[in-house]
Amino acid sequence: METYIALRYSCLVPKEITTAEYQALAELRYRLRRFVGEGDAVARAAGLEPQQYLLLLALRGLPEGVEATIRTLADRLALKHHSAVELVDRLEAHGYVRRSRSRDDRRRVLVALLPRGEKLLEQVARDRIGELRASGAALVNAISALLENGGSLRPGKPAMNSSKRGSKEKRD
């Protein structure tokens, strides 16, 4: 079994990371950080902290059939349970969500999005979707460059200088 995993892994992973792969990875990270940073600013402008927006988004975007428990929301946001509870507390205090006990199991706390929270979420999400539609191609391009075994970024898209970086330059 270990031999199969090692062979499979070594066949799929090139021996050396190419300059194009470093460039694509750096571009992907840049695009993601930029999208997240702009999203945080839009959430704040709407009166939400970024984590509050993400909880509302996770709540509204839960897959069909998944109950909106504190545990589920904590998992979806990669938070500890108590941190999710604090976020729900703040959102509930503003009238954006409502907390209730499950009828089947009183120990489980369910969270529901209220109209006020839905309206605020839609305002921020509309902006984020618009931003993705306007500049998402660059993000997709960066991902594609990595998935295509380090192929260079497509023509017409921003690319880093093709020379090797970091040999003598100061790193962040």
N, C-alpha and C. Protein backbone atom coordinates (compact mmCIF):
# COMPACT_ATOMS: atom_id res chain seq x y z
N MET A 1 0.81 -1.19 0.00
CA MET A 1 0.00 0.00 0.00
C MET A 1 0.86 1.26 0.00
N GLU A 2 1.90 1.29 0.87
CA GLU A 2 2.76 2.46 0.93
C GLU A 2 3.48 2.69 -0.39
N THR A 3 3.87 1.61 -1.06
CA THR A 3 4.57 1.72 -2.34
C THR A 3 3.65 2.34 -3.37
N TYR A 4 2.40 1.90 -3.41
CA TYR A 4 1.44 2.45 -4.36
C TYR A 4 1.26 3.95 -4.15
N ILE A 5 1.11 4.37 -2.90
CA ILE A 5 0.93 5.79 -2.59
C ILE A 5 2.17 6.57 -3.01
N ALA A 6 3.35 6.05 -2.70
CA ALA A 6 4.59 6.75 -3.06
C ALA A 6 4.73 6.85 -4.57
N LEU A 7 4.45 5.78 -5.29
CA LEU A 7 4.54 5.80 -6.75
C LEU A 7 3.51 6.75 -7.34
N ARG A 8 2.31 6.68 -6.85
CA ARG A 8 1.25 7.55 -7.36
C ARG A 8 1.60 9.01 -7.11
N TYR A 9 2.10 9.31 -5.93
CA TYR A 9 2.47 10.68 -5.58
C TYR A 9 3.63 11.15 -6.46
N SER A 10 4.65 10.32 -6.58
CA SER A 10 5.82 10.75 -7.34
C SER A 10 5.53 10.88 -8.82
N CYS A 11 4.56 10.16 -9.35
CA CYS A 11 4.20 10.29 -10.76
C CYS A 11 3.44 11.58 -11.02
N LEU A 12 2.69 12.04 -10.06
CA LEU A 12 1.86 13.22 -10.24
C LEU A 12 2.58 14.52 -9.91
N VAL A 13 3.63 14.45 -9.13
CA VAL A 13 4.32 15.66 -8.69
C VAL A 13 5.66 15.75 -9.41
N PRO A 14 5.89 16.87 -10.11
CA PRO A 14 7.19 17.03 -10.78
C PRO A 14 8.31 17.08 -9.75
N LYS A 15 9.50 16.70 -10.19
CA LYS A 15 10.63 16.68 -9.27
C LYS A 15 11.02 18.07 -8.82
N GLU A 16 10.95 19.06 -9.71
CA GLU A 16 11.31 20.43 -9.36
C GLU A 16 10.11 21.34 -9.59
N ILE A 17 9.97 22.31 -8.75
CA ILE A 17 8.93 23.31 -8.95
C ILE A 17 9.49 24.32 -9.93
N THR A 18 8.73 24.56 -10.99
CA THR A 18 9.21 25.47 -12.03
C THR A 18 8.95 26.92 -11.65
N THR A 19 9.63 27.81 -12.34
CA THR A 19 9.41 29.25 -12.15
C THR A 19 7.96 29.58 -12.44
N ALA A 20 7.40 28.97 -13.49
CA ALA A 20 6.00 29.22 -13.84
C ALA A 20 5.05 28.81 -12.71
N GLU A 21 5.37 27.71 -12.03
CA GLU A 21 4.54 27.26 -10.92
C GLU A 21 4.63 28.23 -9.75
N TYR A 22 5.84 28.71 -9.45
CA TYR A 22 5.98 29.71 -8.40
C TYR A 22 5.19 30.97 -8.75
N GLN A 23 5.29 31.37 -10.00
CA GLN A 23 4.56 32.55 -10.44
C GLN A 23 3.05 32.35 -10.34
N ALA A 24 2.58 31.20 -10.76
CA ALA A 24 1.15 30.91 -10.71
C ALA A 24 0.67 30.84 -9.26
N LEU A 25 1.45 30.22 -8.39
CA LEU A 25 1.09 30.14 -6.98
C LEU A 25 1.06 31.52 -6.34
N ALA A 26 2.05 32.33 -6.65
CA ALA A 26 2.09 33.70 -6.13
C ALA A 26 0.92 34.52 -6.65
N GLU A 27 0.59 34.35 -7.92
CA GLU A 27 -0.53 35.07 -8.51
C GLU A 27 -1.85 34.64 -7.86
N LEU A 28 -2.00 33.33 -7.63
CA LEU A 28 -3.21 32.83 -6.98
C LEU A 28 -3.35 33.42 -5.59
N ARG A 29 -2.28 33.40 -4.83
CA ARG A 29 -2.32 33.96 -3.47
C ARG A 29 -2.64 35.45 -3.51
N TYR A 30 -2.03 36.17 -4.43
CA TYR A 30 -2.31 37.60 -4.58
C TYR A 30 -3.78 37.83 -4.88
N ARG A 31 -4.31 37.10 -5.85
CA ARG A 31 -5.72 37.28 -6.24
C ARG A 31 -6.67 36.93 -5.10
N LEU A 32 -6.39 35.85 -4.38
CA LEU A 32 -7.24 35.46 -3.25
C LEU A 32 -7.20 36.49 -2.14
N ARG A 33 -5.99 36.94 -1.79
CA ARG A 33 -5.85 37.93 -0.72
C ARG A 33 -6.55 39.23 -1.09
N ARG A 34 -6.43 39.61 -2.35
CA ARG A 34 -7.06 40.84 -2.82
C ARG A 34 -8.59 40.71 -2.74
N PHE A 35 -9.12 39.59 -3.20
CA PHE A 35 -10.56 39.36 -3.15
C PHE A 35 -11.06 39.37 -1.71
N VAL A 36 -10.36 38.68 -0.83
CA VAL A 36 -10.75 38.63 0.58
C VAL A 36 -10.65 40.01 1.22
N GLY A 37 -9.56 40.71 0.96
CA GLY A 37 -9.38 42.06 1.53
C GLY A 37 -10.46 43.02 1.09
N GLU A 38 -10.79 43.00 -0.20
CA GLU A 38 -11.86 43.86 -0.70
C GLU A 38 -13.20 43.47 -0.09
N GLY A 39 -13.41 42.17 0.08
CA GLY A 39 -14.65 41.69 0.69
C GLY A 39 -14.78 42.15 2.13
N ASP A 40 -13.66 42.12 2.86
CA ASP A 40 -13.67 42.60 4.24
C ASP A 40 -14.05 44.08 4.28
N ALA A 41 -13.51 44.87 3.35
CA ALA A 41 -13.81 46.30 3.31
C ALA A 41 -15.28 46.54 2.98
N VAL A 42 -15.84 45.77 2.06
CA VAL A 42 -17.25 45.91 1.71
C VAL A 42 -18.13 45.53 2.89
N ALA A 43 -17.77 44.47 3.60
CA ALA A 43 -18.54 44.05 4.78
C ALA A 43 -18.51 45.15 5.84
N ARG A 44 -17.35 45.72 6.09
CA ARG A 44 -17.24 46.79 7.09
C ARG A 44 -18.07 48.01 6.68
N ALA A 45 -18.02 48.36 5.39
CA ALA A 45 -18.80 49.50 4.91
C ALA A 45 -20.30 49.27 5.09
N ALA A 46 -20.72 48.01 5.08
CA ALA A 46 -22.13 47.67 5.28
C ALA A 46 -22.48 47.57 6.77
N GLY A 47 -21.47 47.70 7.64
CA GLY A 47 -21.73 47.66 9.08
C GLY A 47 -21.49 46.30 9.72
N LEU A 48 -20.82 45.41 9.00
CA LEU A 48 -20.52 44.07 9.53
C LEU A 48 -19.03 43.89 9.67
N GLU A 49 -18.64 43.14 10.67
CA GLU A 49 -17.25 42.69 10.74
C GLU A 49 -17.12 41.55 9.72
N PRO A 50 -15.94 41.37 9.14
CA PRO A 50 -15.77 40.31 8.14
C PRO A 50 -16.23 38.93 8.60
N GLN A 51 -15.92 38.56 9.84
CA GLN A 51 -16.34 37.25 10.35
C GLN A 51 -17.87 37.15 10.46
N GLN A 52 -18.51 38.26 10.77
CA GLN A 52 -19.97 38.26 10.83
C GLN A 52 -20.56 38.01 9.44
N TYR A 53 -19.99 38.69 8.45
CA TYR A 53 -20.43 38.47 7.07
C TYR A 53 -20.24 37.01 6.68
N LEU A 54 -19.08 36.44 7.02
CA LEU A 54 -18.81 35.05 6.65
C LEU A 54 -19.78 34.09 7.33
N LEU A 55 -20.17 34.39 8.57
CA LEU A 55 -21.13 33.53 9.24
C LEU A 55 -22.49 33.63 8.55
N LEU A 56 -22.92 34.85 8.22
CA LEU A 56 -24.19 35.01 7.51
C LEU A 56 -24.14 34.28 6.17
N LEU A 57 -23.03 34.39 5.46
CA LEU A 57 -22.88 33.72 4.18
C LEU A 57 -22.91 32.20 4.35
N ALA A 58 -22.20 31.70 5.34
CA ALA A 58 -22.20 30.25 5.60
C ALA A 58 -23.61 29.78 5.94
N LEU A 59 -24.31 30.55 6.72
CA LEU A 59 -25.68 30.21 7.12
C LEU A 59 -26.60 30.15 5.90
N ARG A 60 -26.55 31.18 5.08
CA ARG A 60 -27.42 31.25 3.89
C ARG A 60 -27.02 30.24 2.83
N GLY A 61 -25.72 29.91 2.78
CA GLY A 61 -25.22 29.03 1.75
C GLY A 61 -25.06 27.58 2.15
N LEU A 62 -25.66 27.17 3.26
CA LEU A 62 -25.55 25.77 3.67
C LEU A 62 -26.16 24.85 2.61
N PRO A 63 -25.55 23.71 2.39
CA PRO A 63 -26.12 22.75 1.43
C PRO A 63 -27.51 22.29 1.89
N GLU A 64 -28.31 21.93 0.93
CA GLU A 64 -29.65 21.41 1.19
C GLU A 64 -29.59 20.25 2.19
N GLY A 65 -30.44 20.29 3.19
CA GLY A 65 -30.54 19.21 4.16
C GLY A 65 -29.57 19.31 5.33
N VAL A 66 -28.70 20.31 5.33
CA VAL A 66 -27.75 20.49 6.44
C VAL A 66 -28.35 21.49 7.41
N GLU A 67 -28.48 21.07 8.67
CA GLU A 67 -29.05 21.96 9.69
C GLU A 67 -28.03 23.01 10.11
N ALA A 68 -28.54 24.19 10.36
CA ALA A 68 -27.70 25.32 10.75
C ALA A 68 -27.47 25.32 12.26
N THR A 69 -26.67 24.37 12.71
CA THR A 69 -26.32 24.33 14.13
C THR A 69 -25.06 25.16 14.34
N ILE A 70 -24.81 25.51 15.58
CA ILE A 70 -23.59 26.23 15.91
C ILE A 70 -22.38 25.40 15.48
N ARG A 71 -22.42 24.12 15.73
CA ARG A 71 -21.31 23.24 15.37
C ARG A 71 -21.07 23.25 13.86
N THR A 72 -22.14 23.15 13.08
CA THR A 72 -22.01 23.17 11.62
C THR A 72 -21.39 24.48 11.16
N LEU A 73 -21.87 25.60 11.70
CA LEU A 73 -21.33 26.90 11.32
C LEU A 73 -19.87 27.04 11.73
N ALA A 74 -19.55 26.56 12.91
CA ALA A 74 -18.16 26.60 13.37
C ALA A 74 -17.27 25.79 12.41
N ASP A 75 -17.73 24.62 12.02
CA ASP A 75 -16.97 23.78 11.09
C ASP A 75 -16.81 24.47 9.74
N ARG A 76 -17.87 25.06 9.23
CA ARG A 76 -17.83 25.71 7.91
C ARG A 76 -16.91 26.93 7.90
N LEU A 77 -16.74 27.56 9.06
CA LEU A 77 -15.89 28.74 9.16
C LEU A 77 -14.51 28.42 9.74
N ALA A 78 -14.27 27.15 10.05
CA ALA A 78 -13.01 26.72 10.67
C ALA A 78 -12.75 27.49 11.96
N LEU A 79 -13.80 27.58 12.79
CA LEU A 79 -13.71 28.26 14.08
C LEU A 79 -13.92 27.27 15.20
N LYS A 80 -13.49 27.64 16.36
CA LYS A 80 -13.81 26.87 17.56
C LYS A 80 -15.27 27.17 17.91
N HIS A 81 -15.91 26.21 18.57
CA HIS A 81 -17.33 26.32 18.91
C HIS A 81 -17.64 27.63 19.64
N HIS A 82 -16.83 27.95 20.64
CA HIS A 82 -17.11 29.15 21.43
C HIS A 82 -16.99 30.44 20.60
N SER A 83 -16.11 30.44 19.59
CA SER A 83 -15.98 31.61 18.72
C SER A 83 -17.23 31.78 17.86
N ALA A 84 -17.77 30.67 17.38
CA ALA A 84 -19.01 30.72 16.61
C ALA A 84 -20.16 31.20 17.49
N VAL A 85 -20.18 30.77 18.74
CA VAL A 85 -21.22 31.21 19.68
C VAL A 85 -21.14 32.73 19.85
N GLU A 86 -19.94 33.26 20.02
CA GLU A 86 -19.78 34.70 20.18
C GLU A 86 -20.24 35.47 18.94
N LEU A 87 -19.93 34.95 17.77
CA LEU A 87 -20.39 35.59 16.54
C LEU A 87 -21.91 35.59 16.45
N VAL A 88 -22.50 34.46 16.76
CA VAL A 88 -23.97 34.36 16.73
C VAL A 88 -24.56 35.31 17.77
N ASP A 89 -23.94 35.42 18.94
CA ASP A 89 -24.41 36.36 19.97
C ASP A 89 -24.48 37.78 19.42
N ARG A 90 -23.40 38.20 18.76
CA ARG A 90 -23.35 39.57 18.22
C ARG A 90 -24.36 39.77 17.10
N LEU A 91 -24.48 38.79 16.24
CA LEU A 91 -25.44 38.90 15.14
C LEU A 91 -26.88 38.89 15.65
N GLU A 92 -27.12 38.11 16.68
CA GLU A 92 -28.46 38.05 17.28
C GLU A 92 -28.80 39.39 17.95
N ALA A 93 -27.82 39.99 18.60
CA ALA A 93 -28.03 41.27 19.28
C ALA A 93 -28.41 42.37 18.28
N HIS A 94 -27.93 42.26 17.04
CA HIS A 94 -28.25 43.23 16.00
C HIS A 94 -29.53 42.88 15.24
N GLY A 95 -30.12 41.73 15.55
CA GLY A 95 -31.34 41.32 14.87
C GLY A 95 -31.12 40.71 13.50
N TYR A 96 -29.93 40.15 13.26
CA TYR A 96 -29.63 39.54 11.97
C TYR A 96 -29.93 38.05 11.94
N VAL A 97 -29.85 37.39 13.09
CA VAL A 97 -30.14 35.96 13.18
C VAL A 97 -30.97 35.70 14.44
N ARG A 98 -31.57 34.52 14.46
CA ARG A 98 -32.31 34.07 15.65
C ARG A 98 -31.81 32.68 16.00
N ARG A 99 -31.66 32.47 17.28
CA ARG A 99 -31.21 31.19 17.80
C ARG A 99 -32.41 30.49 18.43
N SER A 100 -32.48 29.16 18.22
CA SER A 100 -33.56 28.38 18.84
C SER A 100 -33.05 26.97 19.14
N ARG A 101 -33.78 26.29 19.98
CA ARG A 101 -33.42 24.91 20.33
C ARG A 101 -34.10 23.96 19.34
N SER A 102 -33.39 22.89 19.00
CA SER A 102 -33.96 21.87 18.13
C SER A 102 -35.12 21.19 18.85
N ARG A 103 -36.17 20.91 18.13
CA ARG A 103 -37.32 20.20 18.72
C ARG A 103 -36.97 18.76 19.05
N ASP A 104 -36.12 18.17 18.21
CA ASP A 104 -35.74 16.77 18.40
C ASP A 104 -34.74 16.57 19.53
N ASP A 105 -33.82 17.50 19.66
CA ASP A 105 -32.76 17.39 20.66
C ASP A 105 -32.51 18.79 21.23
N ARG A 106 -33.01 19.03 22.41
CA ARG A 106 -32.95 20.36 23.02
C ARG A 106 -31.52 20.84 23.27
N ARG A 107 -30.56 19.94 23.20
CA ARG A 107 -29.18 20.36 23.40
C ARG A 107 -28.62 21.08 22.18
N ARG A 108 -29.21 20.82 21.02
CA ARG A 108 -28.71 21.42 19.78
C ARG A 108 -29.33 22.79 19.56
N VAL A 109 -28.46 23.75 19.25
CA VAL A 109 -28.91 25.13 18.99
C VAL A 109 -28.90 25.35 17.48
N LEU A 110 -30.04 25.80 16.97
CA LEU A 110 -30.18 26.10 15.55
C LEU A 110 -30.14 27.60 15.35
N VAL A 111 -29.60 28.03 14.23
CA VAL A 111 -29.49 29.44 13.91
C VAL A 111 -30.28 29.69 12.62
N ALA A 112 -31.09 30.73 12.62
CA ALA A 112 -31.88 31.09 11.45
C ALA A 112 -31.56 32.53 11.04
N LEU A 113 -31.50 32.75 9.76
CA LEU A 113 -31.25 34.08 9.22
C LEU A 113 -32.57 34.86 9.22
N LEU A 114 -32.54 36.06 9.79
CA LEU A 114 -33.72 36.92 9.83
C LEU A 114 -33.70 37.86 8.62
N PRO A 115 -34.86 38.42 8.25
CA PRO A 115 -34.92 39.30 7.08
C PRO A 115 -33.90 40.43 7.09
N ARG A 116 -33.68 41.02 8.24
CA ARG A 116 -32.70 42.11 8.35
C ARG A 116 -31.29 41.62 8.00
N GLY A 117 -30.94 40.44 8.49
CA GLY A 117 -29.64 39.85 8.18
C GLY A 117 -29.54 39.45 6.72
N GLU A 118 -30.63 38.94 6.18
CA GLU A 118 -30.64 38.53 4.77
C GLU A 118 -30.44 39.74 3.86
N LYS A 119 -31.05 40.85 4.21
CA LYS A 119 -30.92 42.06 3.41
C LYS A 119 -29.48 42.56 3.41
N LEU A 120 -28.87 42.57 4.58
CA LEU A 120 -27.48 43.02 4.70
C LEU A 120 -26.54 42.06 3.98
N LEU A 121 -26.76 40.77 4.15
CA LEU A 121 -25.95 39.77 3.47
C LEU A 121 -26.06 39.94 1.96
N GLU A 122 -27.25 40.15 1.45
CA GLU A 122 -27.44 40.30 0.01
C GLU A 122 -26.68 41.51 -0.52
N GLN A 123 -26.67 42.57 0.25
CA GLN A 123 -25.95 43.79 -0.15
C GLN A 123 -24.45 43.50 -0.36
N VAL A 124 -23.86 42.80 0.60
CA VAL A 124 -22.43 42.50 0.51
C VAL A 124 -22.19 41.42 -0.55
N ALA A 125 -23.00 40.39 -0.57
CA ALA A 125 -22.81 39.29 -1.53
C ALA A 125 -22.98 39.79 -2.96
N ARG A 126 -23.90 40.69 -3.20
CA ARG A 126 -24.10 41.24 -4.55
C ARG A 126 -22.81 41.90 -5.03
N ASP A 127 -22.16 42.65 -4.17
CA ASP A 127 -20.89 43.29 -4.51
C ASP A 127 -19.83 42.25 -4.82
N ARG A 128 -19.73 41.22 -3.97
CA ARG A 128 -18.69 40.20 -4.14
C ARG A 128 -18.90 39.41 -5.43
N ILE A 129 -20.15 39.09 -5.75
CA ILE A 129 -20.44 38.36 -6.98
C ILE A 129 -20.10 39.24 -8.18
N GLY A 130 -20.44 40.51 -8.10
CA GLY A 130 -20.10 41.44 -9.17
C GLY A 130 -18.60 41.53 -9.37
N GLU A 131 -17.85 41.57 -8.28
CA GLU A 131 -16.40 41.63 -8.37
C GLU A 131 -15.85 40.36 -9.02
N LEU A 132 -16.38 39.21 -8.65
CA LEU A 132 -15.92 37.96 -9.27
C LEU A 132 -16.23 37.93 -10.76
N ARG A 133 -17.41 38.41 -11.12
CA ARG A 133 -17.76 38.43 -12.54
C ARG A 133 -16.88 39.39 -13.32
N ALA A 134 -16.46 40.47 -12.67
CA ALA A 134 -15.63 41.47 -13.35
C ALA A 134 -14.17 41.04 -13.45
N SER A 135 -13.64 40.44 -12.41
CA SER A 135 -12.20 40.14 -12.43
C SER A 135 -11.87 38.70 -12.04
N GLY A 136 -12.85 37.83 -12.02
CA GLY A 136 -12.62 36.44 -11.63
C GLY A 136 -11.80 35.65 -12.62
N ALA A 137 -11.76 36.12 -13.87
CA ALA A 137 -10.98 35.39 -14.88
C ALA A 137 -9.51 35.31 -14.48
N ALA A 138 -8.99 36.35 -13.85
CA ALA A 138 -7.59 36.34 -13.42
C ALA A 138 -7.38 35.28 -12.33
N LEU A 139 -8.35 35.12 -11.46
CA LEU A 139 -8.26 34.10 -10.42
C LEU A 139 -8.31 32.70 -11.04
N VAL A 140 -9.24 32.51 -11.95
CA VAL A 140 -9.35 31.22 -12.65
C VAL A 140 -8.08 30.93 -13.43
N ASN A 141 -7.52 31.95 -14.04
CA ASN A 141 -6.29 31.80 -14.80
C ASN A 141 -5.14 31.33 -13.91
N ALA A 142 -5.04 31.89 -12.72
CA ALA A 142 -3.98 31.49 -11.79
C ALA A 142 -4.16 30.03 -11.36
N ILE A 143 -5.38 29.64 -11.10
CA ILE A 143 -5.65 28.24 -10.72
C ILE A 143 -5.34 27.32 -11.89
N SER A 144 -5.79 27.70 -13.07
CA SER A 144 -5.55 26.88 -14.27
C SER A 144 -4.07 26.69 -14.52
N ALA A 145 -3.30 27.74 -14.33
CA ALA A 145 -1.85 27.64 -14.56
C ALA A 145 -1.22 26.60 -13.63
N LEU A 146 -1.72 26.50 -12.41
CA LEU A 146 -1.21 25.49 -11.48
C LEU A 146 -1.68 24.09 -11.85
N LEU A 147 -2.94 23.99 -12.24
CA LEU A 147 -3.50 22.67 -12.56
C LEU A 147 -2.95 22.11 -13.86
N GLU A 148 -2.48 22.97 -14.72
CA GLU A 148 -1.92 22.54 -16.00
C GLU A 148 -0.43 22.26 -15.85
N ASN A 149 -0.06 21.70 -14.72
CA ASN A 149 1.34 21.34 -14.44
C ASN A 149 2.30 22.51 -14.60
N GLY A 150 1.88 23.66 -14.08
CA GLY A 150 2.79 24.79 -14.05
C GLY A 150 2.91 25.54 -15.34
N GLY A 151 1.93 25.38 -16.23
CA GLY A 151 1.96 26.15 -17.46
C GLY A 151 1.95 27.63 -17.14
N SER A 152 2.53 28.42 -17.98
CA SER A 152 2.60 29.86 -17.71
C SER A 152 1.21 30.47 -17.81
N LEU A 153 1.07 31.65 -17.24
CA LEU A 153 -0.20 32.35 -17.27
C LEU A 153 -0.57 32.63 -18.71
N ARG A 154 -1.86 32.61 -19.00
CA ARG A 154 -2.33 32.81 -20.37
C ARG A 154 -2.03 34.22 -20.86
N PRO A 155 -1.88 34.36 -22.17
CA PRO A 155 -1.59 35.67 -22.75
C PRO A 155 -2.65 36.69 -22.36
N GLY A 156 -2.19 37.92 -22.16
CA GLY A 156 -3.13 38.99 -21.84
C GLY A 156 -3.44 39.11 -20.36
N LYS A 157 -2.93 38.22 -19.57
CA LYS A 157 -3.19 38.26 -18.13
C LYS A 157 -1.92 38.69 -17.41
N PRO A 158 -2.07 39.31 -16.23
CA PRO A 158 -0.88 39.75 -15.49
C PRO A 158 0.01 38.56 -15.15
N ALA A 159 1.27 38.73 -15.33
CA ALA A 159 2.22 37.69 -14.98
C ALA A 159 3.42 38.33 -14.31
N MET A 160 4.07 37.58 -13.48
CA MET A 160 5.27 38.06 -12.82
C MET A 160 6.42 37.94 -13.82
N ASN A 161 7.51 38.62 -13.57
CA ASN A 161 8.70 38.52 -14.39
C ASN A 161 9.16 37.06 -14.42
N SER A 162 9.54 36.56 -15.59
CA SER A 162 9.86 35.14 -15.72
C SER A 162 11.23 34.76 -15.17
N SER A 163 12.02 35.74 -14.77
CA SER A 163 13.32 35.40 -14.20
C SER A 163 13.14 34.79 -12.82
N LYS A 164 14.11 34.02 -12.39
CA LYS A 164 14.01 33.40 -11.07
C LYS A 164 14.04 34.47 -10.00
N ARG A 165 13.20 34.32 -9.00
CA ARG A 165 13.07 35.31 -7.94
C ARG A 165 13.64 34.75 -6.65
N GLY A 166 14.04 35.69 -5.81
CA GLY A 166 14.35 35.32 -4.44
C GLY A 166 15.78 34.94 -4.17
N SER A 167 16.63 34.80 -5.19
CA SER A 167 17.98 34.35 -4.91
C SER A 167 18.74 35.36 -4.07
N LYS A 168 18.63 36.67 -4.38
CA LYS A 168 19.31 37.68 -3.60
C LYS A 168 18.36 38.72 -3.05
N GLU A 169 17.07 38.65 -3.46
CA GLU A 169 16.11 39.65 -3.02
C GLU A 169 15.64 39.36 -1.61
N LYS A 170 15.30 40.41 -0.90
CA LYS A 170 14.75 40.25 0.44
C LYS A 170 13.36 39.65 0.33
N ARG A 171 13.04 38.68 1.15
CA ARG A 171 11.73 38.03 1.14
C ARG A 171 10.88 38.56 2.27
N ASP A 172 9.52 38.50 2.06
CA ASP A 172 8.56 38.95 3.09
C ASP A 172 8.55 38.01 4.26
